[in-house]
Amino acid sequence: MTYGHHVLLAALEEHDTSTAYEVVFAETAAATIEAIRAARAAKVLVLWSFYSPDAEALAEELATIKAAAPGAVHVAGGVHATAEPVRTLDAGWDIAAVGEGESTLLSLVDSAGDPTGIQGLVHRDDTGTLQRTGKAHREPLGRYRAFPLTYKRMNPIEITRGCVYACAY
């Protein structure tokens, strides 16, 4: 679990949605497989966030999880997915979230996991055609708490995001 997930959970915690959901923390491949298999939801979203040096090892873990527990939608976010969304998809993830993820995740939850038309995603449609939905909507830094109260997952104090030198990430 990364600090980025904490921010996403804080946004979700404040979000009013008609979509029923359950949050499960699974920090190993075995726990993720177990959680997917135990899920009662029609669609299971598995959120991943990682840096490029970890991408290859996590792609192997993803393949293991998908083979043992098929049917879930695996969403990659963070630095690697933002910088290399097509490589992320080619490595096995179903959706790459590009840029800030709060509004993107909330829209994805509202749509019950259907990425069609949601800003900030790169995915392949049913025909395999690459779909890029544009930049994610960016909220002001203080729009959401940096941590969820319900799940008691705390972050360091956040004073900025991204690169102060206007890098593309």
C-alpha atoms as a PDB file:
ATOM      1  CA  MET A   1       0.000   0.000   0.000  1.00  0.00           C
ATOM      2  CA  THR A   2       1.471   3.330  -1.022  1.00  0.00           C
ATOM      3  CA  TYR A   3       0.732   6.805   0.238  1.00  0.00           C
ATOM      4  CA  GLY A   4      -0.980   7.484  -3.084  1.00  0.00           C
ATOM      5  CA  HIS A   5      -3.597   4.892  -2.203  1.00  0.00           C
ATOM      6  CA  HIS A   6      -4.251   6.709   1.059  1.00  0.00           C
ATOM      7  CA  VAL A   7      -5.138   9.889  -0.823  1.00  0.00           C
ATOM      8  CA  LEU A   8      -7.414   7.941  -3.176  1.00  0.00           C
ATOM      9  CA  LEU A   9      -9.175   6.316  -0.237  1.00  0.00           C
ATOM     10  CA  ALA A  10      -9.642   9.697   1.431  1.00  0.00           C
ATOM     11  CA  ALA A  11     -11.281  11.023  -1.739  1.00  0.00           C
ATOM     12  CA  LEU A  12     -13.471   7.924  -1.986  1.00  0.00           C
ATOM     13  CA  GLU A  13     -14.436   8.245   1.656  1.00  0.00           C
ATOM     14  CA  GLU A  14     -15.799  11.753   1.000  1.00  0.00           C
ATOM     15  CA  HIS A  15     -17.463  10.825  -2.294  1.00  0.00           C
ATOM     16  CA  ASP A  16     -21.196  10.297  -2.568  1.00  0.00           C
ATOM     17  CA  THR A  17     -21.840   7.436  -4.991  1.00  0.00           C
ATOM     18  CA  SER A  18     -24.666   5.037  -5.678  1.00  0.00           C
ATOM     19  CA  THR A  19     -22.157   2.284  -6.458  1.00  0.00           C
ATOM     20  CA  ALA A  20     -21.750  -0.189  -3.619  1.00  0.00           C
ATOM     21  CA  TYR A  21     -18.122  -1.006  -2.892  1.00  0.00           C
ATOM     22  CA  GLU A  22     -15.909  -2.656  -0.331  1.00  0.00           C
ATOM     23  CA  VAL A  23     -12.273  -1.784   0.320  1.00  0.00           C
ATOM     24  CA  VAL A  24      -9.905  -4.652   1.077  1.00  0.00           C
ATOM     25  CA  PHE A  25      -6.206  -4.224   1.818  1.00  0.00           C
ATOM     26  CA  ALA A  26      -4.161  -7.018   0.249  1.00  0.00           C
ATOM     27  CA  GLU A  27      -0.426  -6.513   0.469  1.00  0.00           C
ATOM     28  CA  THR A  28       0.806  -9.796  -0.998  1.00  0.00           C
ATOM     29  CA  ALA A  29      -0.015 -11.769  -4.124  1.00  0.00           C
ATOM     30  CA  ALA A  30      -1.614 -14.522  -2.018  1.00  0.00           C
ATOM     31  CA  ALA A  31      -3.767 -12.019  -0.116  1.00  0.00           C
ATOM     32  CA  THR A  32      -4.806 -10.373  -3.394  1.00  0.00           C
ATOM     33  CA  ILE A  33      -5.813 -13.715  -4.892  1.00  0.00           C
ATOM     34  CA  GLU A  34      -7.800 -14.547  -1.767  1.00  0.00           C
ATOM     35  CA  ALA A  35      -9.535 -11.145  -1.773  1.00  0.00           C
ATOM     36  CA  ILE A  36     -10.507 -11.420  -5.451  1.00  0.00           C
ATOM     37  CA  ARG A  37     -11.874 -14.920  -4.954  1.00  0.00           C
ATOM     38  CA  ALA A  38     -13.837 -13.854  -1.856  1.00  0.00           C
ATOM     39  CA  ALA A  39     -15.296 -10.708  -3.426  1.00  0.00           C
ATOM     40  CA  ARG A  40     -19.061 -10.502  -3.663  1.00  0.00           C
ATOM     41  CA  ALA A  41     -19.070  -7.610  -6.136  1.00  0.00           C
ATOM     42  CA  ALA A  42     -19.911  -8.038  -9.799  1.00  0.00           C
ATOM     43  CA  LYS A  43     -16.723  -6.173 -10.704  1.00  0.00           C
ATOM     44  CA  VAL A  44     -13.534  -6.129  -8.659  1.00  0.00           C
ATOM     45  CA  LEU A  45     -11.028  -3.318  -9.112  1.00  0.00           C
ATOM     46  CA  VAL A  46      -7.481  -4.004  -7.953  1.00  0.00           C
ATOM     47  CA  LEU A  47      -5.460  -0.813  -7.569  1.00  0.00           C
ATOM     48  CA  TRP A  48      -1.701  -0.856  -8.124  1.00  0.00           C
ATOM     49  CA  SER A  49       0.842   1.953  -7.826  1.00  0.00           C
ATOM     50  CA  PHE A  50       4.537   1.534  -8.504  1.00  0.00           C
ATOM     51  CA  TYR A  51       7.743   3.062  -9.791  1.00  0.00           C
ATOM     52  CA  SER A  52       9.420   1.972 -13.028  1.00  0.00           C
ATOM     53  CA  PRO A  53      12.218  -0.029 -11.333  1.00  0.00           C
ATOM     54  CA  ASP A  54       9.516  -2.274  -9.796  1.00  0.00           C
ATOM     55  CA  ALA A  55       7.439  -2.692 -12.973  1.00  0.00           C
ATOM     56  CA  GLU A  56       8.963  -5.941 -14.219  1.00  0.00           C
ATOM     57  CA  ALA A  57       8.705  -7.778 -10.896  1.00  0.00           C
ATOM     58  CA  LEU A  58       5.156  -6.551 -10.351  1.00  0.00           C
ATOM     59  CA  ALA A  59       4.157  -7.612 -13.870  1.00  0.00           C
ATOM     60  CA  GLU A  60       5.220 -11.151 -12.922  1.00  0.00           C
ATOM     61  CA  GLU A  61       3.170 -10.891  -9.725  1.00  0.00           C
ATOM     62  CA  LEU A  62       0.216  -9.581 -11.736  1.00  0.00           C
ATOM     63  CA  ALA A  63       0.409 -12.556 -14.116  1.00  0.00           C
ATOM     64  CA  THR A  64       0.349 -14.937 -11.153  1.00  0.00           C
ATOM     65  CA  ILE A  65      -2.654 -13.170  -9.646  1.00  0.00           C
ATOM     66  CA  LYS A  66      -4.576 -13.040 -12.931  1.00  0.00           C
ATOM     67  CA  ALA A  67      -3.969 -16.747 -13.565  1.00  0.00           C
ATOM     68  CA  ALA A  68      -5.131 -17.741 -10.078  1.00  0.00           C
ATOM     69  CA  ALA A  69      -8.027 -15.289  -9.773  1.00  0.00           C
ATOM     70  CA  PRO A  70      -9.303 -14.197 -13.192  1.00  0.00           C
ATOM     71  CA  GLY A  71     -11.988 -11.624 -13.783  1.00  0.00           C
ATOM     72  CA  ALA A  72     -10.765  -8.663 -11.747  1.00  0.00           C
ATOM     73  CA  VAL A  73      -9.897  -5.349 -13.411  1.00  0.00           C
ATOM     74  CA  HIS A  74      -6.326  -4.365 -12.582  1.00  0.00           C
ATOM     75  CA  VAL A  75      -5.738  -0.599 -12.566  1.00  0.00           C
ATOM     76  CA  ALA A  76      -2.168   0.704 -12.487  1.00  0.00           C
ATOM     77  CA  GLY A  77      -1.481   4.243 -11.372  1.00  0.00           C
ATOM     78  CA  GLY A  78       1.476   6.214 -10.155  1.00  0.00           C
ATOM     79  CA  VAL A  79       4.681   7.303 -11.777  1.00  0.00           C
ATOM     80  CA  HIS A  80       5.253   4.323 -14.089  1.00  0.00           C
ATOM     81  CA  ALA A  81       1.673   4.139 -15.388  1.00  0.00           C
ATOM     82  CA  THR A  82       1.710   7.873 -16.033  1.00  0.00           C
ATOM     83  CA  ALA A  83       5.043   7.845 -17.854  1.00  0.00           C
ATOM     84  CA  GLU A  84       4.565   4.554 -19.720  1.00  0.00           C
ATOM     85  CA  PRO A  85       0.836   3.801 -20.032  1.00  0.00           C
ATOM     86  CA  VAL A  86       1.095   1.612 -23.142  1.00  0.00           C
ATOM     87  CA  ARG A  87       3.967  -0.429 -21.685  1.00  0.00           C
ATOM     88  CA  THR A  88       1.886  -0.796 -18.540  1.00  0.00           C
ATOM     89  CA  LEU A  89      -0.996  -2.239 -20.560  1.00  0.00           C
ATOM     90  CA  ASP A  90       1.395  -4.439 -22.545  1.00  0.00           C
ATOM     91  CA  ALA A  91       2.713  -5.813 -19.236  1.00  0.00           C
ATOM     92  CA  GLY A  92      -0.776  -7.038 -18.331  1.00  0.00           C
ATOM     93  CA  TRP A  93      -2.630  -4.290 -16.527  1.00  0.00           C
ATOM     94  CA  ASP A  94      -6.138  -3.618 -17.814  1.00  0.00           C
ATOM     95  CA  ILE A  95      -6.153   0.131 -17.226  1.00  0.00           C
ATOM     96  CA  ALA A  96      -3.408   2.724 -16.751  1.00  0.00           C
ATOM     97  CA  ALA A  97      -4.408   5.796 -14.765  1.00  0.00           C
ATOM     98  CA  VAL A  98      -2.428   8.804 -15.953  1.00  0.00           C
ATOM     99  CA  GLY A  99      -1.776  11.770 -13.688  1.00  0.00           C
ATOM    100  CA  GLU A 100      -3.615  12.682 -10.515  1.00  0.00           C
ATOM    101  CA  GLY A 101      -5.939   9.852  -9.617  1.00  0.00           C
ATOM    102  CA  GLU A 102      -8.601  11.180  -7.263  1.00  0.00           C
ATOM    103  CA  SER A 103     -11.222  12.308  -9.784  1.00  0.00           C
ATOM    104  CA  THR A 104     -10.332   9.404 -12.074  1.00  0.00           C
ATOM    105  CA  LEU A 105     -10.898   6.806  -9.359  1.00  0.00           C
ATOM    106  CA  LEU A 106     -14.152   8.421  -8.244  1.00  0.00           C
ATOM    107  CA  SER A 107     -15.448   8.344 -11.815  1.00  0.00           C
ATOM    108  CA  LEU A 108     -14.309   4.745 -12.212  1.00  0.00           C
ATOM    109  CA  VAL A 109     -16.177   3.751  -9.051  1.00  0.00           C
ATOM    110  CA  ASP A 110     -19.275   5.659 -10.192  1.00  0.00           C
ATOM    111  CA  SER A 111     -19.178   3.761 -13.494  1.00  0.00           C
ATOM    112  CA  ALA A 112     -18.835   0.412 -11.682  1.00  0.00           C
ATOM    113  CA  GLY A 113     -15.430  -0.099 -13.291  1.00  0.00           C
ATOM    114  CA  ASP A 114     -16.293   0.822 -16.885  1.00  0.00           C
ATOM    115  CA  PRO A 115     -13.429   3.030 -18.134  1.00  0.00           C
ATOM    116  CA  THR A 116     -15.318   4.336 -21.175  1.00  0.00           C
ATOM    117  CA  GLY A 117     -15.051   8.109 -21.368  1.00  0.00           C
ATOM    118  CA  ILE A 118     -13.395   8.626 -17.989  1.00  0.00           C
ATOM    119  CA  GLN A 119     -10.662  11.250 -18.146  1.00  0.00           C
ATOM    120  CA  GLY A 120      -7.155  10.237 -17.162  1.00  0.00           C
ATOM    121  CA  LEU A 121      -7.188   6.626 -18.391  1.00  0.00           C
ATOM    122  CA  VAL A 122      -5.453   4.614 -21.055  1.00  0.00           C
ATOM    123  CA  HIS A 123      -6.986   1.229 -21.841  1.00  0.00           C
ATOM    124  CA  ARG A 124      -7.912  -1.040 -24.713  1.00  0.00           C
ATOM    125  CA  ASP A 125     -11.533  -1.361 -25.797  1.00  0.00           C
ATOM    126  CA  ASP A 126     -13.235  -4.665 -26.608  1.00  0.00           C
ATOM    127  CA  THR A 127     -11.601  -4.719 -30.055  1.00  0.00           C
ATOM    128  CA  GLY A 128      -8.117  -4.130 -28.615  1.00  0.00           C
ATOM    129  CA  THR A 129      -7.927  -0.553 -29.870  1.00  0.00           C
ATOM    130  CA  LEU A 130      -5.951   1.740 -27.593  1.00  0.00           C
ATOM    131  CA  GLN A 131      -8.146   4.362 -25.917  1.00  0.00           C
ATOM    132  CA  ARG A 132      -6.621   7.510 -24.420  1.00  0.00           C
ATOM    133  CA  THR A 133      -9.132   9.648 -22.578  1.00  0.00           C
ATOM    134  CA  GLY A 134      -7.013  12.745 -22.059  1.00  0.00           C
ATOM    135  CA  LYS A 135      -5.624  14.319 -18.946  1.00  0.00           C
ATOM    136  CA  ALA A 136      -7.160  13.615 -15.583  1.00  0.00           C
ATOM    137  CA  HIS A 137      -9.081  16.415 -13.953  1.00  0.00           C
ATOM    138  CA  ARG A 138      -6.789  18.057 -11.396  1.00  0.00           C
ATOM    139  CA  GLU A 139      -8.204  19.262  -8.135  1.00  0.00           C
ATOM    140  CA  PRO A 140      -6.435  21.779  -5.893  1.00  0.00           C
ATOM    141  CA  LEU A 141      -3.978  20.062  -3.543  1.00  0.00           C
ATOM    142  CA  GLY A 142      -6.179  20.617  -0.485  1.00  0.00           C
ATOM    143  CA  ARG A 143      -9.434  19.392  -2.069  1.00  0.00           C
ATOM    144  CA  TYR A 144      -9.191  15.978  -0.389  1.00  0.00           C
ATOM    145  CA  ARG A 145      -7.579  14.907   2.839  1.00  0.00           C
ATOM    146  CA  ALA A 146      -4.187  13.243   2.493  1.00  0.00           C
ATOM    147  CA  PHE A 147      -5.404  10.190   4.405  1.00  0.00           C
ATOM    148  CA  PRO A 148      -8.668   8.342   5.018  1.00  0.00           C
ATOM    149  CA  LEU A 149     -10.166   8.549   8.487  1.00  0.00           C
ATOM    150  CA  THR A 150     -12.091   5.282   8.201  1.00  0.00           C
ATOM    151  CA  TYR A 151      -9.090   3.121   7.327  1.00  0.00           C
ATOM    152  CA  LYS A 152      -6.571   4.869   9.603  1.00  0.00           C
ATOM    153  CA  ARG A 153      -3.821   4.925   6.985  1.00  0.00           C
ATOM    154  CA  MET A 154      -1.696   8.013   7.628  1.00  0.00           C
ATOM    155  CA  ASN A 155       0.627   9.897   5.290  1.00  0.00           C
ATOM    156  CA  PRO A 156       3.502  12.270   5.833  1.00  0.00           C
ATOM    157  CA  ILE A 157       2.570  15.928   5.464  1.00  0.00           C
ATOM    158  CA  GLU A 158       2.058  16.697   1.763  1.00  0.00           C
ATOM    159  CA  ILE A 159       3.089  20.163   0.612  1.00  0.00           C
ATOM    160  CA  THR A 160       3.412  19.564  -3.137  1.00  0.00           C
ATOM    161  CA  ARG A 161       2.867  16.944  -5.802  1.00  0.00           C
ATOM    162  CA  GLY A 162       4.667  16.118  -9.001  1.00  0.00           C
ATOM    163  CA  CYS A 163       7.781  17.838 -10.197  1.00  0.00           C
ATOM    164  CA  VAL A 164       8.347  21.477  -9.285  1.00  0.00           C
ATOM    165  CA  TYR A 165      10.262  21.827 -12.574  1.00  0.00           C
ATOM    166  CA  ALA A 166       7.096  21.177 -14.668  1.00  0.00           C
ATOM    167  CA  CYS A 167       8.075  17.655 -15.706  1.00  0.00           C
ATOM    168  CA  ALA A 168       5.462  15.826 -17.771  1.00  0.00           C
ATOM    169  CA  TYR A 169       4.770  13.320 -14.998  1.00  0.00           C
END
